[in-house]
Protein backbone atom coordinates (compact mmCIF):
# COMPACT_ATOMS: atom_id res chain seq x y z
CA MET A 1 106.32 91.21 93.17
CA PRO A 2 106.30 94.86 92.15
CA LEU A 3 104.56 97.45 94.29
CA TYR A 4 102.37 99.96 92.42
CA ASP A 5 101.04 103.33 93.57
CA TYR A 6 97.44 104.29 92.80
CA LYS A 7 95.25 107.33 93.44
CA CYS A 8 91.46 107.52 93.53
CA ASP A 9 90.13 110.57 91.68
CA ALA A 10 86.85 110.34 93.61
CA CYS A 11 88.11 110.48 97.23
CA LYS A 12 91.78 111.46 96.58
CA THR A 13 93.09 108.46 98.56
CA GLN A 14 96.55 107.22 97.58
CA PHE A 15 97.39 103.58 98.17
CA GLU A 16 99.88 100.89 97.21
CA GLN A 17 99.05 97.53 95.71
CA GLU A 18 101.37 94.59 95.16
CA HIS A 19 100.67 92.48 92.09
CA SER A 20 102.49 90.77 89.25
CA MET A 21 103.40 92.73 86.14
CA SER A 22 101.00 90.61 84.09
CA ALA A 23 98.03 91.15 86.44
CA PRO A 24 95.41 93.71 85.40
CA PRO A 25 95.68 97.09 87.14
CA VAL A 26 93.52 97.93 90.15
CA THR A 27 90.26 99.62 89.10
CA THR A 28 88.34 99.96 92.39
CA CYS A 29 89.33 102.15 95.34
CA PRO A 30 89.61 100.12 98.58
CA HIS A 31 88.56 103.22 100.57
CA CYS A 32 85.40 104.45 98.78
CA GLY A 33 84.64 101.64 96.30
CA GLN A 34 84.52 103.96 93.28
CA GLU A 35 86.01 102.87 89.96
CA LYS A 36 87.99 106.08 89.46
CA VAL A 37 91.46 104.74 90.23
CA ARG A 38 94.57 105.51 88.23
CA LYS A 39 98.15 104.37 88.52
CA ILE A 40 100.52 107.16 89.53
CA LEU A 41 104.23 107.54 89.00
CA SER A 42 106.16 105.96 91.83
CA THR A 43 109.44 107.38 93.05
CA GLY A 44 110.82 103.89 93.52
CA GLY A 45 113.52 102.83 95.90
CA VAL A 46 116.83 104.59 96.20
CA MET A 47 120.07 102.76 96.77
CA SER A 48 123.20 104.53 97.83
CA GLY A 49 126.72 103.51 98.47
CA GLY A 50 128.51 100.77 96.70
CA LEU A 51 130.43 97.67 97.48
CA SER A 52 131.58 97.39 101.04
CA ARG A 53 135.16 96.39 101.56
CA SER A 54 136.26 94.41 104.55
């Protein structure tokens, strides 16, 4: 399942939440309980290298 990054505009806490792409976005901050949460741009994973040859 994808991992999404969120930020609470009330307490400024950033957190990650794993949920399916079809699930509704998180609306409540797990830290302060306010409904001032927004999804933020994630940097995603970085892969380097290529095929290994043996």
